[in-house]
Amino acid sequence: MRIKLKVGAQLREYLPDGGAGSQIDFDVTDGATAIDVMNQLGLPGEDSYLVMLNGTVLPTAKRAETALQDGDELGLFPPLKSG
């Protein structure tokens, strides 16, 4: 199945080749979750990202249990840091 994957600018380096900017069509297995996608990309520290599913924040507790559907839009964004 295929989802639309969007990432924040700092996470572009984790996208596989073929990404146009910060958004790609991304193949995942049936039943995949946001955590599965994050692991597939090799993102460190699963809990520190803002994760959005179809424009709605996906809480940390639901990231490993909410199965993605064909055509879903998954957004992964790094935490904001102040300094």
Protein backbone atom coordinates (compact mmCIF):
# COMPACT_ATOMS: atom_id res chain seq x y z
CA MET A 1 0.00 0.00 0.00
CA ARG A 2 1.12 3.56 -0.55
CA ILE A 3 0.94 6.62 1.69
CA LYS A 4 1.96 10.25 1.23
CA LEU A 5 4.88 10.99 3.56
CA LYS A 6 5.78 14.56 4.52
CA VAL A 7 8.72 15.45 6.71
CA GLY A 8 10.11 18.62 8.26
CA ALA A 9 13.17 20.11 6.57
CA GLN A 10 15.62 18.67 9.09
CA LEU A 11 14.37 15.14 8.36
CA ARG A 12 14.81 15.20 4.57
CA GLU A 13 18.09 13.33 4.88
CA TYR A 14 16.13 10.27 6.06
CA LEU A 15 13.94 10.10 2.94
CA PRO A 16 14.84 7.49 0.34
CA ASP A 17 15.95 8.66 -3.10
CA GLY A 18 13.15 9.94 -5.26
CA GLY A 19 11.72 12.44 -2.80
CA ALA A 20 10.70 15.80 -4.19
CA GLY A 21 11.67 18.20 -1.45
CA SER A 22 10.11 17.03 1.79
CA GLN A 23 7.25 14.91 0.43
CA ILE A 24 7.15 11.49 -1.24
CA ASP A 25 4.81 8.65 -2.05
CA PHE A 26 5.99 5.87 0.26
CA ASP A 27 5.24 2.15 0.11
CA VAL A 28 4.44 0.42 3.39
CA THR A 29 3.16 -3.03 4.29
CA ASP A 30 -0.49 -3.57 5.12
CA GLY A 31 -1.10 -2.85 8.80
CA ALA A 32 1.96 -0.58 9.11
CA THR A 33 1.89 2.10 11.80
CA ALA A 34 3.59 5.48 12.17
CA ILE A 35 6.23 3.79 14.35
CA ASP A 36 6.87 1.25 11.59
CA VAL A 37 7.45 4.05 9.09
CA MET A 38 9.73 5.92 11.51
CA ASN A 39 11.76 2.74 12.05
CA GLN A 40 11.88 2.05 8.32
CA LEU A 41 13.34 5.53 7.78
CA GLY A 42 15.83 5.08 10.62
CA LEU A 43 14.63 8.06 12.65
CA PRO A 44 16.18 8.16 16.12
CA GLY A 45 14.07 8.73 19.26
CA GLU A 46 10.47 7.87 18.30
CA ASP A 47 8.89 9.96 21.06
CA SER A 48 10.43 13.29 20.16
CA TYR A 49 8.57 14.00 16.89
CA LEU A 50 5.31 15.69 16.04
CA VAL A 51 3.38 13.05 14.08
CA MET A 52 0.31 13.97 12.06
CA LEU A 53 -2.05 11.59 10.32
CA ASN A 54 -4.29 13.17 7.70
CA GLY A 55 -3.84 16.60 9.27
CA THR A 56 -4.53 15.54 12.86
CA VAL A 57 -1.93 15.10 15.59
CA LEU A 58 -1.35 11.42 16.34
CA PRO A 59 -0.61 11.10 20.09
CA THR A 60 2.49 9.16 21.13
CA ALA A 61 0.36 6.43 22.72
CA LYS A 62 -1.45 5.76 19.43
CA ARG A 63 1.55 5.72 17.07
CA ALA A 64 2.23 2.01 17.49
CA GLU A 65 -1.42 0.91 17.34
CA THR A 66 -3.03 3.02 14.61
CA ALA A 67 -2.78 1.18 11.31
CA LEU A 68 -2.18 3.33 8.26
CA GLN A 69 -4.53 3.05 5.29
CA ASP A 70 -3.79 3.28 1.59
CA GLY A 71 -3.68 6.96 0.60
CA ASP A 72 -3.13 8.29 4.14
CA GLU A 73 -0.95 11.35 4.62
CA LEU A 74 1.64 10.94 7.38
CA GLY A 75 3.59 13.98 8.55
CA LEU A 76 6.76 13.67 10.65
CA PHE A 77 8.26 16.83 12.10
CA PRO A 78 11.19 17.33 14.47
CA PRO A 79 10.64 18.94 17.85
CA LEU A 80 11.01 22.69 18.09
CA LYS A 81 14.08 23.80 19.98
CA SER A 82 14.74 27.17 21.47
CA GLY A 83 18.06 28.57 22.29
